[in-house]
Amino acid sequence: MISFNLPMAPTINHYYGNRPHGGKFIKPAGVAFRKEVAVIVKALGLPTLTGRVRLGVKISPATRARQDLDNRLKACWTP
């Protein structure tokens, strides 16, 4: 089992945007999150995963404000 901590993922609403004539793009918050994750994974020297993967997520918000946890989780497994 591999275990490590990542920064709080942006909600999917902040991760992707829609182009006016169709198609999606990754917003700046999504790009920043991907870069942060890449740096962490590289620093840990983690191997490329193949096959089936089980993902366990513990979300620890910085405030007691209401959170849309489902949208935060989507960013964890968005390609």
N, C-alpha and C. Protein backbone atom coordinates (compact mmCIF):
# COMPACT_ATOMS: atom_id res chain seq x y z
N MET A 1 0.85 -1.18 0.00
CA MET A 1 0.00 0.00 0.00
C MET A 1 0.89 1.24 0.00
N ILE A 2 0.52 2.22 -0.78
CA ILE A 2 1.22 3.50 -0.85
C ILE A 2 0.30 4.55 -0.23
N SER A 3 0.84 5.34 0.68
CA SER A 3 0.04 6.37 1.33
C SER A 3 0.82 7.68 1.35
N PHE A 4 0.16 8.77 1.00
CA PHE A 4 0.79 10.09 1.03
C PHE A 4 -0.29 11.16 1.07
N ASN A 5 0.11 12.37 1.43
CA ASN A 5 -0.83 13.49 1.56
C ASN A 5 -0.72 14.42 0.36
N LEU A 6 -1.87 14.92 -0.05
CA LEU A 6 -1.94 15.87 -1.16
C LEU A 6 -2.65 17.13 -0.69
N PRO A 7 -2.46 18.24 -1.39
CA PRO A 7 -3.20 19.46 -1.04
C PRO A 7 -4.69 19.27 -1.32
N MET A 8 -5.50 20.13 -0.76
CA MET A 8 -6.94 20.07 -1.00
C MET A 8 -7.21 20.27 -2.49
N ALA A 9 -7.93 19.35 -3.07
CA ALA A 9 -8.27 19.44 -4.49
C ALA A 9 -9.33 20.51 -4.71
N PRO A 10 -9.23 21.22 -5.84
CA PRO A 10 -10.29 22.19 -6.14
C PRO A 10 -11.58 21.43 -6.47
N THR A 11 -12.71 22.09 -6.30
CA THR A 11 -13.95 21.44 -6.71
C THR A 11 -13.91 21.28 -8.23
N ILE A 12 -14.68 20.36 -8.74
CA ILE A 12 -14.69 20.12 -10.18
C ILE A 12 -15.17 21.36 -10.93
N ASN A 13 -15.97 22.19 -10.24
CA ASN A 13 -16.45 23.44 -10.86
C ASN A 13 -15.29 24.42 -11.09
N HIS A 14 -14.25 24.34 -10.28
CA HIS A 14 -13.08 25.19 -10.44
C HIS A 14 -11.99 24.49 -11.23
N TYR A 15 -12.15 23.19 -11.45
CA TYR A 15 -11.14 22.39 -12.15
C TYR A 15 -11.30 22.51 -13.67
N TYR A 16 -12.52 22.37 -14.15
CA TYR A 16 -12.79 22.41 -15.59
C TYR A 16 -13.65 23.61 -15.97
N GLY A 17 -13.46 24.08 -17.19
CA GLY A 17 -14.31 25.10 -17.76
C GLY A 17 -14.82 24.61 -19.11
N ASN A 18 -15.87 25.20 -19.60
CA ASN A 18 -16.44 24.84 -20.89
C ASN A 18 -16.12 25.91 -21.92
N ARG A 19 -15.74 25.46 -23.10
CA ARG A 19 -15.48 26.39 -24.20
C ARG A 19 -16.82 26.82 -24.80
N PRO A 20 -16.89 28.05 -25.33
CA PRO A 20 -18.16 28.56 -25.86
C PRO A 20 -18.76 27.69 -26.98
N HIS A 21 -17.92 27.06 -27.78
CA HIS A 21 -18.43 26.26 -28.89
C HIS A 21 -18.22 24.77 -28.68
N GLY A 22 -18.23 24.36 -27.43
CA GLY A 22 -18.09 22.94 -27.10
C GLY A 22 -16.67 22.60 -26.67
N GLY A 23 -16.56 21.56 -25.90
CA GLY A 23 -15.26 21.13 -25.40
C GLY A 23 -14.98 21.69 -24.01
N LYS A 24 -14.02 21.08 -23.34
CA LYS A 24 -13.65 21.50 -22.00
C LYS A 24 -12.18 21.87 -21.96
N PHE A 25 -11.82 22.63 -20.93
CA PHE A 25 -10.42 22.95 -20.69
C PHE A 25 -10.18 22.93 -19.20
N ILE A 26 -8.93 22.81 -18.80
CA ILE A 26 -8.57 22.80 -17.39
C ILE A 26 -8.29 24.24 -16.97
N LYS A 27 -9.01 24.68 -15.94
CA LYS A 27 -8.86 26.04 -15.43
C LYS A 27 -7.55 26.16 -14.65
N PRO A 28 -7.13 27.40 -14.35
CA PRO A 28 -5.87 27.60 -13.62
C PRO A 28 -5.79 26.83 -12.29
N ALA A 29 -6.90 26.72 -11.56
CA ALA A 29 -6.88 25.97 -10.29
C ALA A 29 -6.59 24.49 -10.53
N GLY A 30 -7.13 23.95 -11.62
CA GLY A 30 -6.87 22.55 -11.96
C GLY A 30 -5.44 22.34 -12.40
N VAL A 31 -4.91 23.27 -13.17
CA VAL A 31 -3.51 23.19 -13.62
C VAL A 31 -2.58 23.24 -12.41
N ALA A 32 -2.84 24.16 -11.49
CA ALA A 32 -2.00 24.30 -10.29
C ALA A 32 -2.05 23.03 -9.44
N PHE A 33 -3.24 22.45 -9.28
CA PHE A 33 -3.38 21.23 -8.50
C PHE A 33 -2.59 20.09 -9.14
N ARG A 34 -2.71 19.94 -10.44
CA ARG A 34 -1.96 18.88 -11.14
C ARG A 34 -0.46 19.06 -10.96
N LYS A 35 0.02 20.31 -11.05
CA LYS A 35 1.45 20.56 -10.89
C LYS A 35 1.91 20.21 -9.47
N GLU A 36 1.11 20.60 -8.47
CA GLU A 36 1.46 20.29 -7.09
C GLU A 36 1.53 18.78 -6.86
N VAL A 37 0.56 18.06 -7.39
CA VAL A 37 0.54 16.60 -7.24
C VAL A 37 1.74 15.98 -7.94
N ALA A 38 2.07 16.45 -9.14
CA ALA A 38 3.22 15.92 -9.88
C ALA A 38 4.51 16.12 -9.10
N VAL A 39 4.68 17.29 -8.48
CA VAL A 39 5.89 17.56 -7.69
C VAL A 39 5.97 16.62 -6.50
N ILE A 40 4.86 16.42 -5.81
CA ILE A 40 4.84 15.53 -4.64
C ILE A 40 5.15 14.10 -5.04
N VAL A 41 4.50 13.61 -6.08
CA VAL A 41 4.71 12.23 -6.53
C VAL A 41 6.16 12.02 -6.98
N LYS A 42 6.70 12.99 -7.70
CA LYS A 42 8.09 12.88 -8.16
C LYS A 42 9.06 12.89 -6.97
N ALA A 43 8.82 13.77 -6.00
CA ALA A 43 9.69 13.85 -4.82
C ALA A 43 9.68 12.56 -4.01
N LEU A 44 8.54 11.88 -3.98
CA LEU A 44 8.44 10.62 -3.25
C LEU A 44 9.00 9.45 -4.03
N GLY A 45 9.26 9.65 -5.33
CA GLY A 45 9.78 8.56 -6.15
C GLY A 45 8.80 7.42 -6.33
N LEU A 46 7.53 7.75 -6.41
CA LEU A 46 6.49 6.72 -6.53
C LEU A 46 6.50 6.08 -7.91
N PRO A 47 6.24 4.80 -7.98
CA PRO A 47 6.21 4.12 -9.28
C PRO A 47 4.93 4.45 -10.04
N THR A 48 4.96 4.23 -11.35
CA THR A 48 3.75 4.36 -12.16
C THR A 48 2.84 3.19 -11.81
N LEU A 49 1.60 3.50 -11.54
CA LEU A 49 0.65 2.46 -11.16
C LEU A 49 0.02 1.85 -12.40
N THR A 50 -0.13 0.54 -12.39
CA THR A 50 -0.80 -0.15 -13.48
C THR A 50 -1.83 -1.10 -12.87
N GLY A 51 -2.79 -1.48 -13.65
CA GLY A 51 -3.81 -2.40 -13.15
C GLY A 51 -4.83 -1.69 -12.29
N ARG A 52 -5.48 -2.45 -11.45
CA ARG A 52 -6.54 -1.90 -10.61
C ARG A 52 -5.93 -1.13 -9.45
N VAL A 53 -6.60 -0.04 -9.08
CA VAL A 53 -6.12 0.82 -8.00
C VAL A 53 -7.28 1.07 -7.03
N ARG A 54 -7.02 0.98 -5.76
CA ARG A 54 -8.01 1.34 -4.75
C ARG A 54 -7.58 2.69 -4.19
N LEU A 55 -8.51 3.62 -4.16
CA LEU A 55 -8.22 4.97 -3.71
C LEU A 55 -9.00 5.25 -2.43
N GLY A 56 -8.28 5.61 -1.39
CA GLY A 56 -8.90 6.03 -0.14
C GLY A 56 -8.60 7.50 0.06
N VAL A 57 -9.61 8.28 0.40
CA VAL A 57 -9.43 9.72 0.52
C VAL A 57 -9.96 10.18 1.88
N LYS A 58 -9.14 10.97 2.56
CA LYS A 58 -9.57 11.62 3.80
C LYS A 58 -9.46 13.12 3.54
N ILE A 59 -10.57 13.82 3.61
CA ILE A 59 -10.58 15.25 3.35
C ILE A 59 -10.66 15.99 4.68
N SER A 60 -9.73 16.92 4.88
CA SER A 60 -9.68 17.71 6.10
C SER A 60 -9.74 19.19 5.73
N PRO A 61 -10.94 19.74 5.62
CA PRO A 61 -11.08 21.16 5.26
C PRO A 61 -10.44 22.07 6.30
N ALA A 62 -9.93 23.20 5.85
CA ALA A 62 -9.28 24.16 6.74
C ALA A 62 -10.29 24.92 7.60
N THR A 63 -11.53 25.00 7.13
CA THR A 63 -12.57 25.71 7.89
C THR A 63 -13.78 24.82 8.07
N ARG A 64 -14.71 25.28 8.87
CA ARG A 64 -15.94 24.51 9.09
C ARG A 64 -17.02 24.85 8.06
N ALA A 65 -16.66 25.62 7.06
CA ALA A 65 -17.63 25.99 6.01
C ALA A 65 -18.12 24.74 5.31
N ARG A 66 -19.34 24.79 4.82
CA ARG A 66 -19.90 23.65 4.09
C ARG A 66 -19.06 23.36 2.86
N GLN A 67 -18.88 22.09 2.56
CA GLN A 67 -18.06 21.65 1.44
C GLN A 67 -18.89 20.75 0.53
N ASP A 68 -18.66 20.82 -0.75
CA ASP A 68 -19.24 19.89 -1.70
C ASP A 68 -18.21 18.78 -1.90
N LEU A 69 -18.23 17.79 -1.01
CA LEU A 69 -17.19 16.76 -1.00
C LEU A 69 -17.15 15.94 -2.28
N ASP A 70 -18.31 15.69 -2.86
CA ASP A 70 -18.34 14.92 -4.10
C ASP A 70 -17.54 15.61 -5.20
N ASN A 71 -17.68 16.92 -5.32
CA ASN A 71 -16.94 17.65 -6.34
C ASN A 71 -15.45 17.70 -6.04
N ARG A 72 -15.07 17.67 -4.79
CA ARG A 72 -13.63 17.61 -4.45
C ARG A 72 -13.07 16.23 -4.79
N LEU A 73 -13.84 15.20 -4.54
CA LEU A 73 -13.38 13.83 -4.83
C LEU A 73 -13.19 13.62 -6.34
N LYS A 74 -14.06 14.20 -7.14
CA LYS A 74 -13.96 14.03 -8.60
C LYS A 74 -12.60 14.48 -9.11
N ALA A 75 -12.02 15.52 -8.51
CA ALA A 75 -10.71 16.01 -8.95
C ALA A 75 -9.61 15.00 -8.66
N CYS A 76 -9.83 14.12 -7.69
CA CYS A 76 -8.81 13.12 -7.34
C CYS A 76 -8.69 12.02 -8.39
N TRP A 77 -9.73 11.74 -9.13
CA TRP A 77 -9.64 10.69 -10.14
C TRP A 77 -9.95 11.17 -11.54
N THR A 78 -9.88 12.47 -11.75
CA THR A 78 -10.06 13.05 -13.08
C THR A 78 -8.78 12.89 -13.87
N PRO A 79 -8.85 12.34 -15.09
CA PRO A 79 -7.61 12.16 -15.87
C PRO A 79 -7.04 13.47 -16.36
